[in-house]
Protein backbone atom coordinates (compact mmCIF):
# COMPACT_ATOMS: atom_id res chain seq x y z
CA UNK A 1 250.88 88.13 309.41
CA UNK A 2 253.85 86.02 308.36
CA UNK A 3 255.83 84.56 311.48
CA UNK A 4 259.15 85.59 309.85
CA UNK A 5 258.58 89.16 311.50
CA UNK A 6 258.84 87.51 314.89
CA UNK A 7 262.36 87.30 316.75
CA UNK A 8 263.35 83.73 317.82
CA UNK A 9 262.48 84.38 321.33
CA UNK A 10 258.95 85.00 320.31
CA UNK A 11 258.34 82.42 317.62
CA UNK A 12 259.64 79.73 320.69
CA UNK A 13 257.48 81.05 322.74
CA UNK A 14 254.24 81.49 320.82
CA UNK A 15 254.55 77.80 319.51
CA UNK A 16 255.31 76.49 323.54
CA UNK A 17 252.00 78.54 324.28
CA UNK A 18 250.08 76.77 321.48
CA UNK A 19 251.48 73.63 322.22
CA UNK A 20 250.70 73.84 326.03
CA UNK A 21 247.05 75.14 325.51
CA UNK A 22 246.15 72.28 323.10
CA UNK A 23 247.57 70.02 325.26
CA UNK A 24 245.43 71.34 328.29
CA UNK A 25 242.52 71.38 326.21
CA UNK A 26 242.77 68.05 324.83
CA UNK A 27 243.07 69.06 321.39
CA UNK A 28 245.41 67.61 318.31
CA UNK A 29 245.53 71.06 316.54
CA UNK A 30 245.81 74.81 317.40
CA UNK A 31 246.34 78.06 315.42
CA UNK A 32 247.93 81.03 316.60
CA UNK A 33 244.13 83.16 315.61
CA UNK A 34 242.76 80.43 318.08
CA UNK A 35 244.55 82.25 321.43
CA UNK A 36 244.42 85.67 319.73
CA UNK A 37 247.43 85.82 318.06
CA UNK A 38 247.49 86.66 313.87
CA UNK A 39 250.68 85.29 313.49
CA UNK A 40 250.78 82.48 310.42
CA UNK A 41 251.38 79.51 312.87
CA UNK A 42 249.50 76.12 313.97
CA UNK A 43 250.60 73.06 315.77
CA UNK A 44 249.58 69.82 315.74
CA UNK A 45 250.12 66.68 317.09
CA UNK A 46 248.04 63.74 316.27
CA UNK A 47 249.81 60.83 318.24
CA UNK A 48 250.27 61.92 321.86
CA UNK A 49 246.17 60.51 322.56
CA UNK A 50 247.91 57.44 321.60
CA UNK A 51 250.92 57.60 323.48
CA UNK A 52 253.02 58.28 320.55
CA UNK A 53 254.09 62.49 321.01
CA UNK A 54 254.51 63.39 317.50
CA UNK A 55 254.51 67.63 317.87
CA UNK A 56 254.62 69.46 314.87
CA UNK A 57 254.62 73.51 315.00
CA UNK A 58 254.17 74.70 311.30
CA UNK A 59 254.62 78.07 310.06
CA UNK A 60 254.37 80.67 307.18
CA UNK A 61 252.46 76.97 305.78
CA UNK A 62 251.34 77.21 301.82
CA UNK A 63 249.29 74.20 300.59
CA UNK A 64 250.12 72.80 297.40
CA UNK A 65 247.70 69.88 296.39
CA UNK A 66 245.03 68.69 297.81
CA UNK A 67 244.45 64.90 296.69
CA UNK A 68 241.64 63.81 294.60
CA UNK A 69 239.74 61.83 297.23
CA UNK A 70 237.39 63.31 300.06
CA UNK A 71 236.13 62.13 303.09
CA UNK A 72 233.79 63.43 305.57
CA UNK A 73 233.93 62.77 308.91
CA UNK A 74 233.07 64.33 312.82
CA UNK A 75 235.54 66.66 314.24
CA UNK A 76 235.34 69.34 316.98
CA UNK A 77 237.08 72.90 317.80
CA UNK A 78 238.71 73.74 321.13
CA UNK A 79 236.86 77.18 319.82
CA UNK A 80 233.34 75.12 320.45
CA UNK A 81 234.25 72.20 322.74
CA UNK A 82 231.82 69.61 322.67
CA UNK A 83 230.31 70.32 319.52
CA UNK A 84 231.59 68.22 316.46
CA UNK A 85 230.79 69.14 313.11
CA UNK A 86 230.56 66.99 309.87
CA UNK A 87 233.24 68.22 307.40
CA UNK A 88 234.31 66.75 304.00
CA UNK A 89 238.60 67.52 303.52
CA UNK A 90 240.52 65.70 301.17
CA UNK A 91 242.30 62.42 302.60
CA UNK A 92 245.99 64.01 301.67
CA UNK A 93 248.08 67.13 300.95
CA UNK A 94 251.32 68.43 300.11
CA UNK A 95 252.30 72.01 302.12
CA UNK A 96 255.36 73.99 302.60
CA UNK A 97 256.06 75.22 305.36
CA UNK A 98 258.92 76.12 307.78
CA UNK A 99 259.59 74.37 311.29
CA UNK A 100 260.68 75.41 314.48
CA UNK A 101 264.28 76.14 313.04
CA UNK A 102 263.42 77.79 310.26
CA UNK A 103 264.00 74.86 307.96
CA UNK A 104 261.82 74.95 304.86
CA UNK A 105 259.69 71.90 304.16
CA UNK A 106 257.28 70.32 301.98
CA UNK A 107 255.37 67.77 304.09
CA UNK A 108 253.13 65.02 302.16
CA UNK A 109 250.46 64.43 305.02
CA UNK A 110 247.67 61.63 304.99
CA UNK A 111 244.67 60.93 306.88
CA UNK A 112 243.94 62.51 310.51
CA UNK A 113 247.69 64.48 310.05
CA UNK A 114 246.14 65.94 306.78
CA UNK A 115 242.96 66.92 308.53
CA UNK A 116 244.40 68.50 311.52
CA UNK A 117 246.90 70.30 308.90
CA UNK A 118 243.85 72.01 306.89
CA UNK A 119 241.76 72.71 309.87
CA UNK A 120 245.27 74.39 311.09
CA UNK A 121 245.68 76.09 307.55
CA UNK A 122 241.73 77.03 307.48
CA UNK A 123 242.41 78.82 310.95
CA UNK A 124 245.21 80.73 310.42
CA UNK A 125 244.86 82.14 306.37
CA UNK A 126 243.55 80.42 303.03
CA UNK A 127 246.10 81.20 300.49
CA UNK A 128 245.07 80.15 297.03
CA UNK A 129 241.46 79.36 296.06
CA UNK A 130 241.10 75.87 296.42
CA UNK A 131 241.76 76.79 300.07
CA UNK A 132 239.97 79.73 300.69
CA UNK A 133 236.85 77.53 299.17
CA UNK A 134 237.71 74.35 301.09
CA UNK A 135 238.53 76.90 304.43
CA UNK A 136 235.09 78.65 303.23
CA UNK A 137 233.24 75.41 303.46
CA UNK A 138 234.39 74.84 306.69
CA UNK A 139 234.17 77.86 308.34
CA UNK A 140 230.39 78.76 307.27
CA UNK A 141 229.78 75.25 308.75
CA UNK A 142 231.67 76.19 312.64
CA UNK A 143 229.87 79.56 311.98
CA UNK A 144 226.05 77.74 311.73
CA UNK A 145 227.11 76.10 314.87
CA UNK A 146 228.44 78.58 316.74
CA UNK A 147 225.08 81.05 315.53
CA UNK A 148 222.88 77.68 316.97
CA UNK A 149 224.55 77.45 319.99
CA UNK A 150 224.45 81.29 320.14
CA UNK A 151 220.37 80.70 319.55
CA UNK A 152 219.90 78.26 322.06
CA UNK A 153 222.07 80.11 324.98
CA UNK A 154 219.74 83.15 324.19
CA UNK A 155 216.56 81.20 324.23
CA UNK A 156 217.05 80.14 327.47
CA UNK A 157 217.86 83.71 329.21
């Protein structure tokens, strides 16, 4: 659901909870659905592990453009710890969103920051056909891994 339906206190508390959970779990991004919340918000911080914290709260994002160059890199997911998967994503993206102050922003992201934002966007909700296709491919990869993990766990009992 759009974050604009929440009051300021609820939005700021949700953002704080997401950031605290992400840092505690050792991640670089976390979307509200990962903690059981159905709001269109995710947080990311691509620099904190290198000692340069740059927390970003992204609300009601819409990907405007995906770069043509793609890259396949192993990604980890806080929802399935310890099981990285190779995921192909565009290297650059342009995204419209709102920040924690409610200001609309147009962000151009590249590298790891673009990758984290795409994962967050895929988890919170896909919008355009291109996003849905990219999100579905990534989610199918994670779903297959989860099914393999469940089958392996079931065989051990």
